[in-house]
Amino acid sequence: MFDHLKPDFSLLSKEYVLVQAWKKTIDHIRYHNWFADTLELDLSAFDLLDFLKRMQNRICSGTWEPRSLRIVPAPKSQEWVIKTE
């Protein structure tokens, strides 16, 4: 289809661009960030077509805004205690 993609906003909403961006992002997060919420990453992979469709709709309508990062506590090797007070 294309040998090289030019930086053009109209290409940002194309499925083939979003899939490659998603794959590259997920690979980077899994490899470099052990604080990542892997369950949420797996959920986006399971529901990838709907996830990408929602992204396309938000990009095309101009309503896409990045969300703030959330801190995900990393499990420790010691025993956990949950207080119910």
C-alpha atoms as a PDB file:
ATOM      1  CA  MET A   1       0.000   0.000   0.000  1.00  0.00           C
ATOM      2  CA  PHE A   2       2.515   2.597   1.187  1.00  0.00           C
ATOM      3  CA  ASP A   3       6.285   2.317   1.257  1.00  0.00           C
ATOM      4  CA  HIS A   4       6.549   5.269   3.611  1.00  0.00           C
ATOM      5  CA  LEU A   5       3.878   7.050   5.611  1.00  0.00           C
ATOM      6  CA  LYS A   6       4.094  10.793   5.611  1.00  0.00           C
ATOM      7  CA  PRO A   7       3.242  12.645   8.824  1.00  0.00           C
ATOM      8  CA  ASP A   8      -0.318  13.570   8.008  1.00  0.00           C
ATOM      9  CA  PHE A   9      -3.170  13.962  10.493  1.00  0.00           C
ATOM     10  CA  SER A  10      -5.617  12.209   8.154  1.00  0.00           C
ATOM     11  CA  LEU A  11      -3.565   8.992   8.424  1.00  0.00           C
ATOM     12  CA  LEU A  12      -3.776   8.991  12.211  1.00  0.00           C
ATOM     13  CA  SER A  13      -7.297   7.567  12.178  1.00  0.00           C
ATOM     14  CA  LYS A  14      -6.515   4.765   9.703  1.00  0.00           C
ATOM     15  CA  GLU A  15      -6.812   1.282  11.175  1.00  0.00           C
ATOM     16  CA  TYR A  16      -3.472   0.090   9.785  1.00  0.00           C
ATOM     17  CA  VAL A  17      -1.701   3.024  11.472  1.00  0.00           C
ATOM     18  CA  LEU A  18      -3.521   2.560  14.776  1.00  0.00           C
ATOM     19  CA  VAL A  19      -2.770  -1.186  14.848  1.00  0.00           C
ATOM     20  CA  GLN A  20       0.942  -0.605  14.342  1.00  0.00           C
ATOM     21  CA  ALA A  21       0.997   2.181  16.935  1.00  0.00           C
ATOM     22  CA  TRP A  22      -0.873  -0.048  19.409  1.00  0.00           C
ATOM     23  CA  LYS A  23       1.515  -2.977  18.834  1.00  0.00           C
ATOM     24  CA  LYS A  24       4.609  -0.813  19.226  1.00  0.00           C
ATOM     25  CA  THR A  25       3.249   0.846  22.367  1.00  0.00           C
ATOM     26  CA  ILE A  26       2.201  -2.423  24.023  1.00  0.00           C
ATOM     27  CA  ASP A  27       5.550  -4.051  23.254  1.00  0.00           C
ATOM     28  CA  HIS A  28       7.414  -1.070  24.694  1.00  0.00           C
ATOM     29  CA  ILE A  29       5.279  -0.963  27.844  1.00  0.00           C
ATOM     30  CA  ARG A  30       5.614  -4.709  28.490  1.00  0.00           C
ATOM     31  CA  TYR A  31       9.371  -4.685  27.962  1.00  0.00           C
ATOM     32  CA  HIS A  32      10.337  -1.479  29.781  1.00  0.00           C
ATOM     33  CA  ASN A  33       7.738  -0.876  32.464  1.00  0.00           C
ATOM     34  CA  TRP A  34       7.143  -3.473  35.142  1.00  0.00           C
ATOM     35  CA  PHE A  35       4.627  -1.134  36.804  1.00  0.00           C
ATOM     36  CA  ALA A  36       2.266  -1.559  33.836  1.00  0.00           C
ATOM     37  CA  ASP A  37      -1.237  -2.857  34.429  1.00  0.00           C
ATOM     38  CA  THR A  38      -0.858  -5.962  32.280  1.00  0.00           C
ATOM     39  CA  LEU A  39      -4.472  -6.972  32.869  1.00  0.00           C
ATOM     40  CA  GLU A  40      -5.638  -3.752  31.216  1.00  0.00           C
ATOM     41  CA  LEU A  41      -3.155  -4.307  28.359  1.00  0.00           C
ATOM     42  CA  ASP A  42      -4.532  -7.831  27.868  1.00  0.00           C
ATOM     43  CA  LEU A  43      -8.085  -6.484  27.915  1.00  0.00           C
ATOM     44  CA  SER A  44      -7.265  -3.988  25.158  1.00  0.00           C
ATOM     45  CA  ALA A  45      -5.711  -6.836  23.130  1.00  0.00           C
ATOM     46  CA  PHE A  46      -8.802  -9.004  23.606  1.00  0.00           C
ATOM     47  CA  ASP A  47     -11.089  -6.175  22.519  1.00  0.00           C
ATOM     48  CA  LEU A  48      -8.687  -4.689  19.968  1.00  0.00           C
ATOM     49  CA  LEU A  49     -11.111  -4.105  17.077  1.00  0.00           C
ATOM     50  CA  ASP A  50     -13.613  -2.277  19.293  1.00  0.00           C
ATOM     51  CA  PHE A  51     -10.799  -0.392  21.041  1.00  0.00           C
ATOM     52  CA  LEU A  52      -9.413   0.807  17.702  1.00  0.00           C
ATOM     53  CA  LYS A  53     -12.875   1.695  16.424  1.00  0.00           C
ATOM     54  CA  ARG A  54     -13.446   3.868  19.517  1.00  0.00           C
ATOM     55  CA  MET A  55     -10.058   5.532  18.945  1.00  0.00           C
ATOM     56  CA  GLN A  56     -10.903   6.173  15.275  1.00  0.00           C
ATOM     57  CA  ASN A  57     -14.241   7.741  16.216  1.00  0.00           C
ATOM     58  CA  ARG A  58     -12.672   9.983  18.854  1.00  0.00           C
ATOM     59  CA  ILE A  59      -9.840  11.058  16.520  1.00  0.00           C
ATOM     60  CA  CYS A  60     -12.188  11.758  13.591  1.00  0.00           C
ATOM     61  CA  SER A  61     -14.662  13.688  15.739  1.00  0.00           C
ATOM     62  CA  GLY A  62     -11.902  15.725  17.381  1.00  0.00           C
ATOM     63  CA  THR A  63     -12.854  14.572  20.888  1.00  0.00           C
ATOM     64  CA  TRP A  64      -9.700  12.552  21.592  1.00  0.00           C
ATOM     65  CA  GLU A  65      -7.730  13.780  24.577  1.00  0.00           C
ATOM     66  CA  PRO A  66      -4.941  11.913  26.312  1.00  0.00           C
ATOM     67  CA  ARG A  67      -5.696  10.679  29.807  1.00  0.00           C
ATOM     68  CA  SER A  68      -3.385  11.112  32.760  1.00  0.00           C
ATOM     69  CA  LEU A  69      -1.223   8.157  33.699  1.00  0.00           C
ATOM     70  CA  ARG A  70      -2.347   6.185  36.710  1.00  0.00           C
ATOM     71  CA  ILE A  71       0.016   4.672  39.245  1.00  0.00           C
ATOM     72  CA  VAL A  72      -0.373   0.914  39.533  1.00  0.00           C
ATOM     73  CA  PRO A  73       1.160  -0.550  42.696  1.00  0.00           C
ATOM     74  CA  ALA A  74       3.717  -3.228  41.890  1.00  0.00           C
ATOM     75  CA  PRO A  75       3.380  -6.477  43.841  1.00  0.00           C
ATOM     76  CA  LYS A  76       6.116  -7.119  46.368  1.00  0.00           C
ATOM     77  CA  SER A  77       7.563 -10.448  47.426  1.00  0.00           C
ATOM     78  CA  GLN A  78       6.373 -10.029  51.006  1.00  0.00           C
ATOM     79  CA  GLU A  79       2.976 -10.982  52.398  1.00  0.00           C
ATOM     80  CA  TRP A  80       0.153  -8.521  51.778  1.00  0.00           C
ATOM     81  CA  VAL A  81      -2.252  -7.378  54.468  1.00  0.00           C
ATOM     82  CA  ILE A  82      -5.599  -5.809  53.615  1.00  0.00           C
ATOM     83  CA  LYS A  83      -7.295  -3.824  56.358  1.00  0.00           C
ATOM     84  CA  THR A  84     -11.081  -3.625  56.238  1.00  0.00           C
ATOM     85  CA  GLU A  85     -11.517  -0.699  58.652  1.00  0.00           C
END
